[in-house]
């Protein structure tokens, strides 16, 4: 994530320009860490804006998918 995309995400979430500058200066000093930014936003009275939940362990509803060959194969007996 770049500083421009971070600034854009904060603007979309309704963070005031003064608080955006505070978050950006903190991020420039410590790096862009979503958990730290969310914690700082909660301290300021905002909701968390980054989704840090890991969805990789979720099981999908699709079973095994078998690929079929594109060309017909003729078998000689």
N, C-alpha and C. Protein backbone atom coordinates (compact mmCIF):
# COMPACT_ATOMS: atom_id res chain seq x y z
N UNK A 1 0.85 -1.16 0.00
CA UNK A 1 0.00 0.00 0.00
C UNK A 1 0.90 1.24 0.00
N UNK A 2 0.54 2.20 -0.82
CA UNK A 2 1.30 3.45 -0.87
C UNK A 2 0.65 4.49 0.03
N UNK A 3 1.36 5.58 0.24
CA UNK A 3 0.81 6.65 1.07
C UNK A 3 -0.39 7.31 0.41
N UNK A 4 -0.37 7.39 -0.93
CA UNK A 4 -1.52 7.96 -1.65
C UNK A 4 -2.76 7.07 -1.49
N UNK A 5 -2.59 5.75 -1.59
CA UNK A 5 -3.73 4.86 -1.42
C UNK A 5 -4.22 4.85 0.02
N UNK A 6 -3.31 5.00 0.98
CA UNK A 6 -3.70 5.11 2.38
C UNK A 6 -4.51 6.38 2.60
N UNK A 7 -4.03 7.49 2.04
CA UNK A 7 -4.75 8.75 2.18
C UNK A 7 -6.14 8.66 1.55
N UNK A 8 -6.22 8.01 0.40
CA UNK A 8 -7.51 7.84 -0.28
C UNK A 8 -8.46 6.99 0.56
N UNK A 9 -7.96 5.91 1.14
CA UNK A 9 -8.81 5.04 1.97
C UNK A 9 -9.31 5.79 3.21
N UNK A 10 -8.46 6.62 3.78
CA UNK A 10 -8.87 7.40 4.95
C UNK A 10 -9.93 8.44 4.58
N UNK A 11 -9.75 9.08 3.42
CA UNK A 11 -10.74 10.06 2.96
C UNK A 11 -12.09 9.40 2.71
N UNK A 12 -12.07 8.23 2.09
CA UNK A 12 -13.33 7.52 1.82
C UNK A 12 -14.04 7.08 3.09
N UNK A 13 -13.27 6.88 4.14
CA UNK A 13 -13.86 6.42 5.40
C UNK A 13 -14.36 7.57 6.27
N UNK A 14 -14.20 8.80 5.79
CA UNK A 14 -14.73 9.93 6.53
C UNK A 14 -13.81 10.48 7.60
N UNK A 15 -12.53 10.21 7.50
CA UNK A 15 -11.57 10.74 8.48
C UNK A 15 -11.29 12.19 8.11
N UNK A 16 -11.23 13.05 9.10
CA UNK A 16 -11.01 14.47 8.85
C UNK A 16 -9.58 14.71 8.34
N UNK A 17 -9.38 15.78 7.55
CA UNK A 17 -8.04 16.05 7.00
C UNK A 17 -6.96 16.20 8.07
N UNK A 18 -7.29 16.76 9.21
CA UNK A 18 -6.32 16.91 10.30
C UNK A 18 -5.88 15.54 10.81
N UNK A 19 -6.84 14.63 10.97
CA UNK A 19 -6.50 13.28 11.45
C UNK A 19 -5.79 12.47 10.37
N UNK A 20 -6.11 12.74 9.10
CA UNK A 20 -5.42 12.05 8.00
C UNK A 20 -3.93 12.42 8.04
N UNK A 21 -3.64 13.69 8.22
CA UNK A 21 -2.24 14.12 8.30
C UNK A 21 -1.53 13.46 9.48
N UNK A 22 -2.23 13.32 10.60
CA UNK A 22 -1.64 12.68 11.78
C UNK A 22 -1.33 11.20 11.49
N UNK A 23 -2.27 10.51 10.85
CA UNK A 23 -2.06 9.09 10.51
C UNK A 23 -0.94 8.96 9.49
N UNK A 24 -0.90 9.83 8.49
CA UNK A 24 0.15 9.75 7.47
C UNK A 24 1.53 10.01 8.08
N UNK A 25 1.64 10.98 8.98
CA UNK A 25 2.94 11.23 9.60
C UNK A 25 3.37 10.06 10.47
N UNK A 26 2.41 9.44 11.17
CA UNK A 26 2.72 8.26 11.96
C UNK A 26 3.17 7.11 11.05
N UNK A 27 2.51 6.95 9.90
CA UNK A 27 2.84 5.87 8.97
C UNK A 27 4.19 6.11 8.30
N UNK A 28 4.51 7.36 8.02
CA UNK A 28 5.82 7.66 7.41
C UNK A 28 6.95 7.37 8.39
N UNK A 29 6.68 7.54 9.66
CA UNK A 29 7.70 7.28 10.68
C UNK A 29 7.84 5.79 10.97
N UNK A 30 6.70 5.08 11.11
CA UNK A 30 6.72 3.68 11.55
C UNK A 30 6.46 2.67 10.44
N UNK A 31 6.02 3.12 9.27
CA UNK A 31 5.65 2.21 8.20
C UNK A 31 4.14 2.03 8.17
N UNK A 32 3.65 1.48 7.07
CA UNK A 32 2.21 1.30 6.90
C UNK A 32 1.84 -0.10 7.41
N UNK A 33 1.26 -0.14 8.59
CA UNK A 33 0.79 -1.39 9.18
C UNK A 33 -0.71 -1.21 9.48
N UNK A 34 -1.53 -2.01 8.84
CA UNK A 34 -2.98 -1.85 8.94
C UNK A 34 -3.47 -1.98 10.38
N UNK A 35 -2.90 -2.90 11.14
CA UNK A 35 -3.34 -3.09 12.52
C UNK A 35 -3.06 -1.85 13.36
N UNK A 36 -1.87 -1.25 13.16
CA UNK A 36 -1.49 -0.06 13.93
C UNK A 36 -2.35 1.13 13.53
N UNK A 37 -2.64 1.24 12.24
CA UNK A 37 -3.48 2.35 11.76
C UNK A 37 -4.90 2.20 12.31
N UNK A 38 -5.43 0.98 12.28
CA UNK A 38 -6.76 0.75 12.83
C UNK A 38 -6.80 1.05 14.32
N UNK A 39 -5.76 0.67 15.05
CA UNK A 39 -5.73 0.95 16.49
C UNK A 39 -5.70 2.45 16.75
N UNK A 40 -4.95 3.18 15.95
CA UNK A 40 -4.89 4.63 16.11
C UNK A 40 -6.23 5.28 15.76
N UNK A 41 -6.89 4.75 14.72
CA UNK A 41 -8.21 5.28 14.35
C UNK A 41 -9.24 5.04 15.46
N UNK A 42 -9.18 3.89 16.10
CA UNK A 42 -10.10 3.59 17.20
C UNK A 42 -9.83 4.54 18.37
N UNK A 43 -8.55 4.83 18.64
CA UNK A 43 -8.23 5.79 19.70
C UNK A 43 -8.80 7.17 19.40
N UNK A 44 -8.85 7.52 18.09
CA UNK A 44 -9.37 8.83 17.68
C UNK A 44 -10.90 8.85 17.63
N UNK A 45 -11.53 7.68 17.77
CA UNK A 45 -12.99 7.63 17.77
C UNK A 45 -13.60 7.18 16.46
N UNK A 46 -12.79 6.70 15.53
CA UNK A 46 -13.29 6.20 14.25
C UNK A 46 -13.43 4.69 14.30
N UNK A 47 -14.13 4.14 13.32
CA UNK A 47 -14.20 2.69 13.17
C UNK A 47 -12.95 2.20 12.45
N UNK A 48 -12.67 0.91 12.61
CA UNK A 48 -11.57 0.30 11.86
C UNK A 48 -11.93 0.31 10.38
N UNK A 49 -10.93 0.54 9.51
CA UNK A 49 -11.23 0.60 8.08
C UNK A 49 -10.59 -0.54 7.30
N UNK A 50 -9.62 -1.22 7.90
CA UNK A 50 -8.94 -2.30 7.20
C UNK A 50 -9.44 -3.64 7.70
N UNK A 51 -9.66 -4.55 6.76
CA UNK A 51 -10.11 -5.89 7.09
C UNK A 51 -8.87 -6.77 7.21
N UNK A 52 -8.55 -7.16 8.42
CA UNK A 52 -7.34 -7.96 8.64
C UNK A 52 -7.65 -9.42 8.94
N UNK A 53 -8.89 -9.81 8.79
CA UNK A 53 -9.26 -11.19 9.07
C UNK A 53 -8.74 -12.09 7.95
N UNK A 54 -8.26 -13.25 8.31
CA UNK A 54 -7.70 -14.19 7.36
C UNK A 54 -8.81 -15.11 6.85
N UNK A 55 -9.09 -15.02 5.57
CA UNK A 55 -10.14 -15.84 4.96
C UNK A 55 -9.58 -17.06 4.23
N UNK A 56 -8.29 -17.28 4.31
CA UNK A 56 -7.69 -18.38 3.57
C UNK A 56 -8.12 -19.75 4.12
N UNK A 57 -8.53 -19.81 5.36
CA UNK A 57 -8.91 -21.09 5.96
C UNK A 57 -10.37 -21.44 5.67
N UNK A 58 -11.12 -20.51 5.12
CA UNK A 58 -12.52 -20.79 4.83
C UNK A 58 -12.65 -21.88 3.78
N UNK A 59 -13.58 -22.75 4.00
CA UNK A 59 -13.83 -23.84 3.06
C UNK A 59 -14.89 -23.38 2.09
N UNK A 60 -14.62 -23.50 0.82
CA UNK A 60 -15.63 -23.09 -0.15
C UNK A 60 -16.63 -24.22 -0.39
N UNK A 61 -17.70 -23.89 -1.08
CA UNK A 61 -18.77 -24.86 -1.30
C UNK A 61 -18.58 -25.66 -2.59
N UNK A 62 -17.47 -25.49 -3.23
CA UNK A 62 -17.24 -26.19 -4.48
C UNK A 62 -16.45 -27.46 -4.24
N UNK A 63 -16.88 -28.51 -4.88
CA UNK A 63 -16.18 -29.77 -4.76
C UNK A 63 -15.08 -29.88 -5.79
N UNK A 64 -14.64 -31.07 -6.03
CA UNK A 64 -13.60 -31.32 -7.00
C UNK A 64 -14.12 -31.04 -8.40
N UNK A 65 -13.34 -30.35 -9.19
CA UNK A 65 -13.72 -30.06 -10.57
C UNK A 65 -12.77 -30.81 -11.49
N UNK A 66 -13.36 -31.61 -12.39
CA UNK A 66 -12.55 -32.38 -13.32
C UNK A 66 -12.53 -31.68 -14.66
N UNK A 67 -11.36 -31.50 -15.20
CA UNK A 67 -11.23 -30.85 -16.50
C UNK A 67 -11.38 -31.89 -17.60
N UNK A 68 -12.11 -31.51 -18.61
CA UNK A 68 -12.31 -32.40 -19.75
C UNK A 68 -11.39 -31.97 -20.88
N UNK A 69 -10.89 -32.93 -21.66
CA UNK A 69 -10.02 -32.55 -22.78
C UNK A 69 -10.82 -31.78 -23.84
N UNK A 70 -10.14 -30.87 -24.49
CA UNK A 70 -10.81 -30.03 -25.50
C UNK A 70 -11.07 -30.80 -26.79
N UNK A 71 -10.19 -31.69 -27.19
CA UNK A 71 -10.34 -32.41 -28.44
C UNK A 71 -10.89 -33.80 -28.18
N UNK A 72 -11.61 -34.29 -29.16
CA UNK A 72 -12.12 -35.66 -29.06
C UNK A 72 -10.98 -36.63 -29.29
N UNK A 73 -10.97 -37.66 -28.52
CA UNK A 73 -9.94 -38.69 -28.68
C UNK A 73 -10.63 -39.94 -29.22
N UNK A 74 -10.06 -40.47 -30.28
CA UNK A 74 -10.59 -41.68 -30.87
C UNK A 74 -9.73 -42.86 -30.42
N UNK A 75 -10.41 -43.84 -29.90
CA UNK A 75 -9.71 -45.02 -29.44
C UNK A 75 -9.87 -46.13 -30.45
N UNK A 76 -8.77 -46.77 -30.78
CA UNK A 76 -8.84 -47.90 -31.71
C UNK A 76 -8.92 -49.18 -30.89
N UNK A 77 -9.84 -50.04 -31.27
CA UNK A 77 -9.99 -51.31 -30.56
C UNK A 77 -9.06 -52.35 -31.05
